Amino acid sequence: MHRRQALRLLASAATLPLLSREAFSLFQAVHDQLPDPAVLKSLNPQQNATVTTIAELIIPQTDTPGAKAARVNEFIDLILTEWYDEEEKSTFMTGLADVDSRTRDLYGKDFVDCVEKQQVEILQALDDEVAAREENARRRRNRPPEKNFFFMMKQLTLVGYYTSQVGFEQELHGEIIPARHAACVPLEAEAAK
């Protein structure tokens, strides 16, 4: 599968289970490309802080690690740098700047400087806009919804998290190499173990 095909699938997929094994493996390989320590190529420190905060609000740390621990911000930076074309990257970066613009208009400070309640209010407004655009696209039939920053952010966060080692193993309880293989054992014998 080529990158463009994977991105088209990502843009059209509403849920992670729609990713093929090949696309899933491709996105897992992106995580393997993340340098340690982090080296950002598309996002500046302010933008990175905003992306990190938004991703962590989408998938917060609970009894399992959140988006920050899965390095979702670095995954997004790599996708922006190496996978997105100029139009997609521009849509994302413009939307990212709009997040700070909205919070400055409402609260007089940047998104990362707001309290969590204010951040959630901004994200809820963005999510409501995505829902309205999707509804308009359904009404117009056969027209995909317009590309939107928050839709892209949510998709990248989910894929970045669940294809990371943290998300795959600790949240999905997936195994890259199963601990044991039952081969051709009859089901009754396997169930008795």
N, C-alpha and C. Protein backbone atom coordinates (compact mmCIF):
# COMPACT_ATOMS: atom_id res chain seq x y z
N MET A 1 0.85 -1.17 0.00
CA MET A 1 0.00 0.00 0.00
C MET A 1 0.90 1.24 0.00
N HIS A 2 0.55 2.20 -0.82
CA HIS A 2 1.31 3.44 -0.90
C HIS A 2 0.79 4.46 0.09
N ARG A 3 1.60 5.44 0.41
CA ARG A 3 1.23 6.46 1.39
C ARG A 3 -0.06 7.17 1.01
N ARG A 4 -0.21 7.54 -0.26
CA ARG A 4 -1.41 8.27 -0.69
C ARG A 4 -2.66 7.42 -0.46
N GLN A 5 -2.56 6.12 -0.75
CA GLN A 5 -3.70 5.23 -0.52
C GLN A 5 -4.02 5.15 0.97
N ALA A 6 -2.98 5.05 1.78
CA ALA A 6 -3.19 4.99 3.23
C ALA A 6 -3.83 6.27 3.74
N LEU A 7 -3.40 7.42 3.23
CA LEU A 7 -3.99 8.69 3.65
C LEU A 7 -5.44 8.81 3.20
N ARG A 8 -5.75 8.34 1.99
CA ARG A 8 -7.16 8.36 1.53
C ARG A 8 -8.02 7.50 2.44
N LEU A 9 -7.51 6.31 2.80
CA LEU A 9 -8.22 5.43 3.71
C LEU A 9 -8.41 6.11 5.06
N LEU A 10 -7.36 6.74 5.54
CA LEU A 10 -7.42 7.45 6.82
C LEU A 10 -8.47 8.55 6.77
N ALA A 11 -8.51 9.30 5.69
CA ALA A 11 -9.46 10.40 5.57
C ALA A 11 -10.90 9.92 5.47
N SER A 12 -11.11 8.75 4.90
CA SER A 12 -12.47 8.26 4.72
C SER A 12 -12.94 7.37 5.86
N ALA A 13 -12.01 6.84 6.63
CA ALA A 13 -12.37 5.91 7.69
C ALA A 13 -12.89 6.65 8.91
N ALA A 14 -14.05 6.23 9.38
CA ALA A 14 -14.63 6.83 10.57
C ALA A 14 -14.13 6.11 11.82
N THR A 15 -13.71 4.89 11.66
CA THR A 15 -13.25 4.13 12.82
C THR A 15 -11.99 3.36 12.49
N LEU A 16 -11.21 3.10 13.50
CA LEU A 16 -9.94 2.41 13.33
C LEU A 16 -10.08 0.99 12.79
N PRO A 17 -11.12 0.22 13.13
CA PRO A 17 -11.20 -1.14 12.62
C PRO A 17 -11.26 -1.23 11.09
N LEU A 18 -11.53 -0.14 10.41
CA LEU A 18 -11.57 -0.16 8.95
C LEU A 18 -10.18 -0.18 8.33
N LEU A 19 -9.15 0.06 9.11
CA LEU A 19 -7.80 0.00 8.58
C LEU A 19 -7.44 -1.44 8.26
N SER A 20 -6.94 -1.67 7.07
CA SER A 20 -6.49 -3.00 6.70
C SER A 20 -5.23 -3.33 7.48
N ARG A 21 -4.85 -4.60 7.49
CA ARG A 21 -3.61 -4.99 8.17
C ARG A 21 -2.43 -4.26 7.56
N GLU A 22 -2.46 -4.12 6.24
CA GLU A 22 -1.36 -3.46 5.55
C GLU A 22 -1.26 -1.99 5.97
N ALA A 23 -2.41 -1.29 6.03
CA ALA A 23 -2.41 0.11 6.46
C ALA A 23 -1.99 0.21 7.93
N PHE A 24 -2.48 -0.70 8.74
CA PHE A 24 -2.13 -0.71 10.16
C PHE A 24 -0.61 -0.87 10.31
N SER A 25 -0.03 -1.80 9.56
CA SER A 25 1.42 -2.01 9.61
C SER A 25 2.17 -0.79 9.11
N LEU A 26 1.64 -0.16 8.07
CA LEU A 26 2.28 1.03 7.53
C LEU A 26 2.34 2.14 8.57
N PHE A 27 1.23 2.36 9.29
CA PHE A 27 1.22 3.39 10.32
C PHE A 27 2.06 3.00 11.52
N GLN A 28 2.15 1.70 11.82
CA GLN A 28 3.05 1.27 12.89
C GLN A 28 4.49 1.56 12.50
N ALA A 29 4.81 1.43 11.23
CA ALA A 29 6.17 1.71 10.74
C ALA A 29 6.52 3.18 10.90
N VAL A 30 5.51 4.05 10.85
CA VAL A 30 5.75 5.48 11.06
C VAL A 30 6.32 5.68 12.46
N HIS A 31 5.78 4.98 13.43
CA HIS A 31 6.27 5.10 14.80
C HIS A 31 7.73 4.67 14.90
N ASP A 32 8.11 3.68 14.12
CA ASP A 32 9.50 3.23 14.12
C ASP A 32 10.45 4.29 13.58
N GLN A 33 9.92 5.22 12.78
CA GLN A 33 10.74 6.28 12.19
C GLN A 33 10.92 7.47 13.13
N LEU A 34 10.20 7.50 14.24
CA LEU A 34 10.30 8.64 15.15
C LEU A 34 11.67 8.65 15.82
N PRO A 35 12.41 9.74 15.66
CA PRO A 35 13.75 9.80 16.27
C PRO A 35 13.66 9.97 17.79
N ASP A 36 14.68 9.47 18.45
CA ASP A 36 14.74 9.63 19.90
C ASP A 36 16.07 10.30 20.22
N PRO A 37 16.14 11.48 20.68
CA PRO A 37 15.05 12.35 21.13
C PRO A 37 14.28 12.94 19.94
N ALA A 38 13.14 13.50 20.27
CA ALA A 38 12.24 14.05 19.25
C ALA A 38 12.90 15.18 18.47
N VAL A 39 12.68 15.16 17.17
CA VAL A 39 13.12 16.23 16.30
C VAL A 39 11.92 16.63 15.45
N LEU A 40 11.38 17.81 15.72
CA LEU A 40 10.21 18.27 14.97
C LEU A 40 10.63 18.94 13.68
N LYS A 41 9.88 18.67 12.61
CA LYS A 41 10.22 19.22 11.31
C LYS A 41 9.18 20.20 10.79
N SER A 42 7.92 19.97 11.10
CA SER A 42 6.85 20.85 10.61
C SER A 42 6.29 21.76 11.70
N LEU A 43 6.20 21.24 12.90
CA LEU A 43 5.61 21.99 14.01
C LEU A 43 6.68 22.75 14.77
N ASN A 44 6.38 24.02 15.08
CA ASN A 44 7.28 24.76 15.97
C ASN A 44 6.90 24.39 17.41
N PRO A 45 7.67 24.82 18.42
CA PRO A 45 7.37 24.43 19.80
C PRO A 45 5.95 24.80 20.27
N GLN A 46 5.46 25.99 19.88
CA GLN A 46 4.11 26.41 20.27
C GLN A 46 3.05 25.49 19.62
N GLN A 47 3.21 25.24 18.33
CA GLN A 47 2.28 24.35 17.63
C GLN A 47 2.33 22.94 18.20
N ASN A 48 3.53 22.47 18.51
CA ASN A 48 3.69 21.14 19.09
C ASN A 48 2.98 21.05 20.44
N ALA A 49 3.11 22.08 21.25
CA ALA A 49 2.43 22.08 22.55
C ALA A 49 0.92 22.03 22.38
N THR A 50 0.41 22.74 21.39
CA THR A 50 -1.04 22.74 21.12
C THR A 50 -1.49 21.36 20.64
N VAL A 51 -0.75 20.78 19.69
CA VAL A 51 -1.09 19.45 19.19
C VAL A 51 -1.04 18.42 20.32
N THR A 52 -0.01 18.50 21.15
CA THR A 52 0.13 17.57 22.28
C THR A 52 -1.05 17.69 23.24
N THR A 53 -1.44 18.92 23.54
CA THR A 53 -2.56 19.16 24.46
C THR A 53 -3.87 18.65 23.88
N ILE A 54 -4.12 18.96 22.61
CA ILE A 54 -5.36 18.49 21.98
C ILE A 54 -5.41 16.97 21.94
N ALA A 55 -4.31 16.34 21.53
CA ALA A 55 -4.27 14.88 21.45
C ALA A 55 -4.51 14.25 22.83
N GLU A 56 -3.92 14.84 23.86
CA GLU A 56 -4.10 14.31 25.21
C GLU A 56 -5.53 14.50 25.71
N LEU A 57 -6.20 15.56 25.26
CA LEU A 57 -7.62 15.74 25.61
C LEU A 57 -8.50 14.73 24.87
N ILE A 58 -8.10 14.35 23.67
CA ILE A 58 -8.85 13.35 22.90
C ILE A 58 -8.64 11.96 23.51
N ILE A 59 -7.39 11.61 23.82
CA ILE A 59 -7.08 10.33 24.46
C ILE A 59 -6.23 10.61 25.70
N PRO A 60 -6.91 10.87 26.82
CA PRO A 60 -6.18 11.22 28.05
C PRO A 60 -5.57 9.99 28.73
N GLN A 61 -4.60 10.26 29.56
CA GLN A 61 -4.03 9.20 30.38
C GLN A 61 -5.05 8.81 31.43
N THR A 62 -5.31 7.53 31.55
CA THR A 62 -6.19 7.00 32.60
C THR A 62 -5.38 5.90 33.30
N ASP A 63 -5.92 4.70 33.36
CA ASP A 63 -5.12 3.58 33.87
C ASP A 63 -4.18 3.06 32.80
N THR A 64 -4.32 3.58 31.58
CA THR A 64 -3.37 3.30 30.49
C THR A 64 -2.80 4.63 30.03
N PRO A 65 -1.62 4.60 29.41
CA PRO A 65 -1.02 5.85 28.94
C PRO A 65 -1.91 6.56 27.91
N GLY A 66 -1.77 7.88 27.84
CA GLY A 66 -2.54 8.67 26.90
C GLY A 66 -1.76 8.97 25.63
N ALA A 67 -2.29 9.89 24.84
CA ALA A 67 -1.69 10.25 23.56
C ALA A 67 -0.27 10.80 23.70
N LYS A 68 -0.03 11.53 24.77
CA LYS A 68 1.31 12.11 24.97
C LYS A 68 2.35 11.00 25.15
N ALA A 69 2.03 10.00 25.94
CA ALA A 69 2.96 8.89 26.17
C ALA A 69 3.19 8.08 24.89
N ALA A 70 2.20 8.07 24.01
CA ALA A 70 2.33 7.34 22.74
C ALA A 70 3.04 8.16 21.67
N ARG A 71 3.45 9.38 22.02
CA ARG A 71 4.17 10.28 21.12
C ARG A 71 3.34 10.63 19.88
N VAL A 72 2.04 10.80 20.09
CA VAL A 72 1.14 11.11 18.98
C VAL A 72 1.52 12.43 18.32
N ASN A 73 1.97 13.41 19.09
CA ASN A 73 2.38 14.69 18.50
C ASN A 73 3.52 14.50 17.51
N GLU A 74 4.45 13.64 17.82
CA GLU A 74 5.58 13.38 16.92
C GLU A 74 5.12 12.61 15.69
N PHE A 75 4.18 11.69 15.88
CA PHE A 75 3.57 10.96 14.76
C PHE A 75 2.92 11.94 13.80
N ILE A 76 2.15 12.89 14.36
CA ILE A 76 1.48 13.90 13.53
C ILE A 76 2.50 14.76 12.80
N ASP A 77 3.55 15.17 13.48
CA ASP A 77 4.59 15.97 12.83
C ASP A 77 5.20 15.22 11.65
N LEU A 78 5.46 13.95 11.82
CA LEU A 78 6.04 13.16 10.73
C LEU A 78 5.07 13.02 9.56
N ILE A 79 3.80 12.79 9.85
CA ILE A 79 2.79 12.70 8.79
C ILE A 79 2.71 14.04 8.05
N LEU A 80 2.69 15.15 8.78
CA LEU A 80 2.65 16.47 8.14
C LEU A 80 3.86 16.69 7.24
N THR A 81 5.01 16.27 7.70
CA THR A 81 6.26 16.50 6.98
C THR A 81 6.43 15.61 5.76
N GLU A 82 6.17 14.33 5.94
CA GLU A 82 6.53 13.38 4.89
C GLU A 82 5.36 12.81 4.10
N TRP A 83 4.15 12.97 4.58
CA TRP A 83 3.02 12.33 3.91
C TRP A 83 2.04 13.32 3.31
N TYR A 84 1.74 14.39 4.03
CA TYR A 84 0.73 15.33 3.55
C TYR A 84 1.26 16.16 2.39
N ASP A 85 0.36 16.45 1.44
CA ASP A 85 0.74 17.39 0.38
C ASP A 85 0.58 18.81 0.94
N GLU A 86 0.96 19.80 0.16
CA GLU A 86 0.94 21.19 0.64
C GLU A 86 -0.46 21.65 1.04
N GLU A 87 -1.48 21.24 0.30
CA GLU A 87 -2.85 21.66 0.62
C GLU A 87 -3.30 21.08 1.96
N GLU A 88 -3.04 19.80 2.17
CA GLU A 88 -3.42 19.16 3.43
C GLU A 88 -2.66 19.76 4.61
N LYS A 89 -1.37 19.97 4.40
CA LYS A 89 -0.55 20.56 5.46
C LYS A 89 -1.03 21.97 5.78
N SER A 90 -1.37 22.74 4.74
CA SER A 90 -1.87 24.10 4.93
C SER A 90 -3.19 24.10 5.69
N THR A 91 -4.09 23.18 5.35
CA THR A 91 -5.37 23.07 6.06
C THR A 91 -5.14 22.80 7.53
N PHE A 92 -4.23 21.87 7.82
CA PHE A 92 -3.93 21.52 9.21
C PHE A 92 -3.32 22.70 9.95
N MET A 93 -2.31 23.33 9.37
CA MET A 93 -1.60 24.43 10.04
C MET A 93 -2.50 25.66 10.22
N THR A 94 -3.34 25.93 9.24
CA THR A 94 -4.28 27.05 9.35
C THR A 94 -5.28 26.78 10.48
N GLY A 95 -5.77 25.55 10.54
CA GLY A 95 -6.70 25.18 11.60
C GLY A 95 -6.06 25.24 12.97
N LEU A 96 -4.82 24.84 13.03
CA LEU A 96 -4.07 24.89 14.29
C LEU A 96 -3.92 26.34 14.76
N ALA A 97 -3.61 27.23 13.84
CA ALA A 97 -3.51 28.66 14.18
C ALA A 97 -4.86 29.21 14.61
N ASP A 98 -5.94 28.70 13.99
CA ASP A 98 -7.29 29.14 14.34
C ASP A 98 -7.66 28.77 15.77
N VAL A 99 -7.14 27.65 16.25
CA VAL A 99 -7.41 27.24 17.63
C VAL A 99 -6.90 28.32 18.59
N ASP A 100 -5.68 28.78 18.39
CA ASP A 100 -5.14 29.84 19.26
C ASP A 100 -5.89 31.15 19.05
N SER A 101 -6.27 31.44 17.84
CA SER A 101 -7.02 32.67 17.56
C SER A 101 -8.36 32.67 18.31
N ARG A 102 -9.04 31.53 18.27
CA ARG A 102 -10.33 31.41 18.98
C ARG A 102 -10.15 31.60 20.49
N THR A 103 -9.13 30.95 21.04
CA THR A 103 -8.95 31.05 22.48
C THR A 103 -8.51 32.45 22.90
N ARG A 104 -7.73 33.12 22.06
CA ARG A 104 -7.36 34.51 22.37
C ARG A 104 -8.60 35.41 22.34
N ASP A 105 -9.49 35.19 21.36
CA ASP A 105 -10.72 35.99 21.27
C ASP A 105 -11.62 35.76 22.48
N LEU A 106 -11.73 34.51 22.91
CA LEU A 106 -12.63 34.18 24.02
C LEU A 106 -12.02 34.38 25.40
N TYR A 107 -10.75 34.02 25.55
CA TYR A 107 -10.15 33.99 26.89
C TYR A 107 -8.90 34.86 27.03
N GLY A 108 -8.46 35.49 25.95
CA GLY A 108 -7.31 36.38 26.02
C GLY A 108 -5.97 35.70 26.17
N LYS A 109 -5.90 34.40 25.84
CA LYS A 109 -4.62 33.68 25.92
C LYS A 109 -4.61 32.52 24.93
N ASP A 110 -3.42 31.97 24.72
CA ASP A 110 -3.28 30.83 23.82
C ASP A 110 -3.95 29.59 24.40
N PHE A 111 -4.25 28.64 23.51
CA PHE A 111 -4.93 27.40 23.89
C PHE A 111 -4.23 26.68 25.03
N VAL A 112 -2.91 26.52 24.93
CA VAL A 112 -2.18 25.76 25.95
C VAL A 112 -2.16 26.47 27.30
N ASP A 113 -2.43 27.78 27.32
CA ASP A 113 -2.44 28.53 28.57
C ASP A 113 -3.81 28.57 29.23
N CYS A 114 -4.82 28.04 28.56
CA CYS A 114 -6.17 28.00 29.12
C CYS A 114 -6.31 26.83 30.10
N VAL A 115 -7.29 26.92 30.96
CA VAL A 115 -7.59 25.79 31.85
C VAL A 115 -8.30 24.72 31.02
N GLU A 116 -8.29 23.51 31.52
CA GLU A 116 -8.85 22.39 30.75
C GLU A 116 -10.30 22.61 30.35
N LYS A 117 -11.10 23.18 31.22
CA LYS A 117 -12.51 23.42 30.90
C LYS A 117 -12.64 24.31 29.66
N GLN A 118 -11.83 25.34 29.57
CA GLN A 118 -11.86 26.24 28.41
C GLN A 118 -11.37 25.51 27.16
N GLN A 119 -10.34 24.70 27.31
CA GLN A 119 -9.83 23.93 26.17
C GLN A 119 -10.90 22.98 25.64
N VAL A 120 -11.60 22.32 26.54
CA VAL A 120 -12.66 21.39 26.13
C VAL A 120 -13.78 22.14 25.42
N GLU A 121 -14.12 23.33 25.87
CA GLU A 121 -15.16 24.13 25.20
C GLU A 121 -14.75 24.46 23.76
N ILE A 122 -13.50 24.81 23.56
CA ILE A 122 -13.00 25.10 22.20
C ILE A 122 -13.09 23.85 21.35
N LEU A 123 -12.63 22.73 21.86
CA LEU A 123 -12.66 21.48 21.10
C LEU A 123 -14.09 21.03 20.82
N GLN A 124 -15.00 21.26 21.74
CA GLN A 124 -16.40 20.89 21.51
C GLN A 124 -16.98 21.73 20.38
N ALA A 125 -16.65 23.01 20.33
CA ALA A 125 -17.11 23.87 19.24
C ALA A 125 -16.55 23.38 17.90
N LEU A 126 -15.28 23.01 17.88
CA LEU A 126 -14.67 22.48 16.66
C LEU A 126 -15.33 21.16 16.24
N ASP A 127 -15.63 20.32 17.21
CA ASP A 127 -16.27 19.04 16.92
C ASP A 127 -17.69 19.26 16.39
N ASP A 128 -18.40 20.23 16.94
CA ASP A 128 -19.74 20.55 16.44
C ASP A 128 -19.68 21.02 14.99
N GLU A 129 -18.64 21.77 14.65
CA GLU A 129 -18.47 22.22 13.26
C GLU A 129 -18.22 21.04 12.33
N VAL A 130 -17.42 20.08 12.78
CA VAL A 130 -17.17 18.87 11.97
C VAL A 130 -18.48 18.13 11.74
N ALA A 131 -19.28 17.97 12.79
CA ALA A 131 -20.57 17.28 12.66
C ALA A 131 -21.48 18.00 11.69
N ALA A 132 -21.51 19.33 11.75
CA ALA A 132 -22.35 20.11 10.83
C ALA A 132 -21.89 19.94 9.39
N ARG A 133 -20.59 19.93 9.17
CA ARG A 133 -20.05 19.74 7.81
C ARG A 133 -20.38 18.36 7.28
N GLU A 134 -20.29 17.35 8.14
CA GLU A 134 -20.63 15.99 7.72
C GLU A 134 -22.11 15.89 7.38
N GLU A 135 -22.94 16.55 8.15
CA GLU A 135 -24.38 16.55 7.88
C GLU A 135 -24.66 17.24 6.54
N ASN A 136 -24.01 18.37 6.29
CA ASN A 136 -24.18 19.06 5.00
C ASN A 136 -23.72 18.18 3.85
N ALA A 137 -22.65 17.44 4.03
CA ALA A 137 -22.15 16.55 2.98
C ALA A 137 -23.15 15.43 2.71
N ARG A 138 -23.79 14.93 3.75
CA ARG A 138 -24.81 13.88 3.57
C ARG A 138 -26.00 14.42 2.80
N ARG A 139 -26.38 15.64 3.10
CA ARG A 139 -27.52 16.25 2.39
C ARG A 139 -27.22 16.45 0.92
N ARG A 140 -25.98 16.77 0.60
CA ARG A 140 -25.59 17.01 -0.80
C ARG A 140 -25.32 15.71 -1.54
N ARG A 141 -25.31 14.60 -0.86
CA ARG A 141 -25.10 13.25 -1.42
C ARG A 141 -23.90 13.17 -2.35
N ASN A 142 -23.15 12.14 -2.13
CA ASN A 142 -21.97 11.83 -2.94
C ASN A 142 -20.89 12.89 -2.92
N ARG A 143 -20.99 13.85 -2.05
CA ARG A 143 -19.93 14.84 -1.90
C ARG A 143 -19.25 14.60 -0.56
N PRO A 144 -17.94 14.39 -0.58
CA PRO A 144 -17.26 14.20 0.70
C PRO A 144 -17.25 15.50 1.50
N PRO A 145 -17.21 15.41 2.83
CA PRO A 145 -17.12 16.63 3.62
C PRO A 145 -15.82 17.38 3.31
N GLU A 146 -15.87 18.69 3.48
CA GLU A 146 -14.67 19.49 3.25
C GLU A 146 -13.58 19.06 4.22
N LYS A 147 -12.34 19.21 3.77
CA LYS A 147 -11.24 18.91 4.68
C LYS A 147 -11.27 19.91 5.81
N ASN A 148 -11.10 19.41 7.02
CA ASN A 148 -11.25 20.24 8.21
C ASN A 148 -10.15 19.87 9.21
N PHE A 149 -9.57 20.89 9.81
CA PHE A 149 -8.48 20.67 10.77
C PHE A 149 -8.86 19.69 11.87
N PHE A 150 -10.00 19.90 12.53
CA PHE A 150 -10.30 19.07 13.69
C PHE A 150 -10.60 17.63 13.31
N PHE A 151 -11.23 17.43 12.16
CA PHE A 151 -11.44 16.07 11.67
C PHE A 151 -10.08 15.40 11.45
N MET A 152 -9.15 16.12 10.81
CA MET A 152 -7.82 15.59 10.57
C MET A 152 -7.12 15.30 11.91
N MET A 153 -7.24 16.20 12.84
CA MET A 153 -6.59 16.06 14.15
C MET A 153 -7.10 14.83 14.88
N LYS A 154 -8.41 14.64 14.87
CA LYS A 154 -8.98 13.46 15.55
C LYS A 154 -8.51 12.17 14.89
N GLN A 155 -8.56 12.13 13.56
CA GLN A 155 -8.14 10.93 12.85
C GLN A 155 -6.67 10.62 13.11
N LEU A 156 -5.82 11.63 13.01
CA LEU A 156 -4.39 11.42 13.24
C LEU A 156 -4.12 10.99 14.68
N THR A 157 -4.86 11.54 15.61
CA THR A 157 -4.69 11.17 17.02
C THR A 157 -5.06 9.71 17.24
N LEU A 158 -6.21 9.31 16.73
CA LEU A 158 -6.65 7.92 16.90
C LEU A 158 -5.70 6.94 16.24
N VAL A 159 -5.35 7.20 15.00
CA VAL A 159 -4.45 6.29 14.29
C VAL A 159 -3.07 6.32 14.93
N GLY A 160 -2.59 7.51 15.27
CA GLY A 160 -1.28 7.62 15.91
C GLY A 160 -1.22 6.89 17.23
N TYR A 161 -2.30 6.95 17.99
CA TYR A 161 -2.32 6.29 19.29
C TYR A 161 -2.44 4.77 19.15
N TYR A 162 -3.44 4.33 18.41
CA TYR A 162 -3.72 2.89 18.36
C TYR A 162 -2.75 2.10 17.50
N THR A 163 -1.92 2.76 16.70
CA THR A 163 -0.88 2.04 15.98
C THR A 163 0.47 2.14 16.69
N SER A 164 0.51 2.88 17.80
CA SER A 164 1.73 2.95 18.61
C SER A 164 1.83 1.68 19.45
N GLN A 165 3.00 1.40 19.96
CA GLN A 165 3.17 0.22 20.80
C GLN A 165 2.30 0.34 22.06
N VAL A 166 2.27 1.53 22.64
CA VAL A 166 1.47 1.77 23.84
C VAL A 166 -0.01 1.50 23.57
N GLY A 167 -0.55 2.11 22.54
CA GLY A 167 -1.97 1.95 22.23
C GLY A 167 -2.32 0.55 21.80
N PHE A 168 -1.47 -0.05 20.98
CA PHE A 168 -1.73 -1.39 20.46
C PHE A 168 -1.68 -2.44 21.56
N GLU A 169 -0.64 -2.40 22.37
CA GLU A 169 -0.46 -3.44 23.37
C GLU A 169 -1.24 -3.19 24.66
N GLN A 170 -1.22 -1.95 25.17
CA GLN A 170 -1.83 -1.69 26.47
C GLN A 170 -3.32 -1.38 26.38
N GLU A 171 -3.74 -0.72 25.32
CA GLU A 171 -5.15 -0.36 25.20
C GLU A 171 -5.94 -1.42 24.43
N LEU A 172 -5.41 -1.84 23.28
CA LEU A 172 -6.11 -2.84 22.46
C LEU A 172 -5.76 -4.27 22.88
N HIS A 173 -4.74 -4.42 23.70
CA HIS A 173 -4.26 -5.74 24.15
C HIS A 173 -3.88 -6.62 22.97
N GLY A 174 -3.32 -5.99 21.96
CA GLY A 174 -2.86 -6.73 20.78
C GLY A 174 -1.46 -7.26 20.99
N GLU A 175 -1.15 -8.31 20.28
CA GLU A 175 0.17 -8.91 20.35
C GLU A 175 0.74 -8.95 18.94
N ILE A 176 1.93 -8.42 18.78
CA ILE A 176 2.58 -8.50 17.48
C ILE A 176 3.01 -9.94 17.23
N ILE A 177 3.61 -10.58 18.23
CA ILE A 177 3.96 -11.99 18.15
C ILE A 177 3.23 -12.67 19.31
N PRO A 178 2.21 -13.49 19.01
CA PRO A 178 1.45 -14.14 20.10
C PRO A 178 2.35 -14.97 21.00
N ALA A 179 2.00 -15.03 22.29
CA ALA A 179 2.80 -15.75 23.26
C ALA A 179 2.82 -17.25 22.98
N ARG A 180 1.73 -17.77 22.44
CA ARG A 180 1.70 -19.20 22.11
C ARG A 180 0.81 -19.42 20.91
N HIS A 181 1.01 -20.53 20.25
CA HIS A 181 0.26 -20.87 19.05
C HIS A 181 -0.32 -22.26 19.25
N ALA A 182 -1.62 -22.40 19.07
CA ALA A 182 -2.29 -23.68 19.33
C ALA A 182 -2.28 -24.61 18.11
N ALA A 183 -1.86 -24.15 16.97
CA ALA A 183 -1.76 -24.96 15.74
C ALA A 183 -3.05 -25.68 15.44
N CYS A 184 -2.98 -26.98 15.22
CA CYS A 184 -4.15 -27.76 14.79
C CYS A 184 -4.76 -28.54 15.94
N VAL A 185 -4.87 -27.97 17.08
CA VAL A 185 -5.46 -28.61 18.24
C VAL A 185 -6.98 -28.52 18.12
N PRO A 186 -7.71 -29.62 18.37
CA PRO A 186 -9.18 -29.53 18.33
C PRO A 186 -9.68 -28.48 19.31
N LEU A 187 -10.75 -27.80 18.94
CA LEU A 187 -11.29 -26.72 19.76
C LEU A 187 -11.61 -27.15 21.17
N GLU A 188 -12.15 -28.37 21.35
CA GLU A 188 -12.50 -28.84 22.69
C GLU A 188 -11.25 -28.93 23.57
N ALA A 189 -10.18 -29.46 23.02
CA ALA A 189 -8.94 -29.60 23.79
C ALA A 189 -8.38 -28.22 24.13
N GLU A 190 -8.45 -27.28 23.21
CA GLU A 190 -7.93 -25.93 23.46
C GLU A 190 -8.78 -25.22 24.51
N ALA A 191 -10.10 -25.40 24.45
CA ALA A 191 -10.99 -24.73 25.40
C ALA A 191 -10.80 -25.27 26.81
N ALA A 192 -10.38 -26.53 26.95
CA ALA A 192 -10.21 -27.13 28.27
C ALA A 192 -8.99 -26.60 28.99
N LYS A 193 -8.06 -26.04 28.27
CA LYS A 193 -6.82 -25.55 28.90
C LYS A 193 -7.04 -24.35 29.75
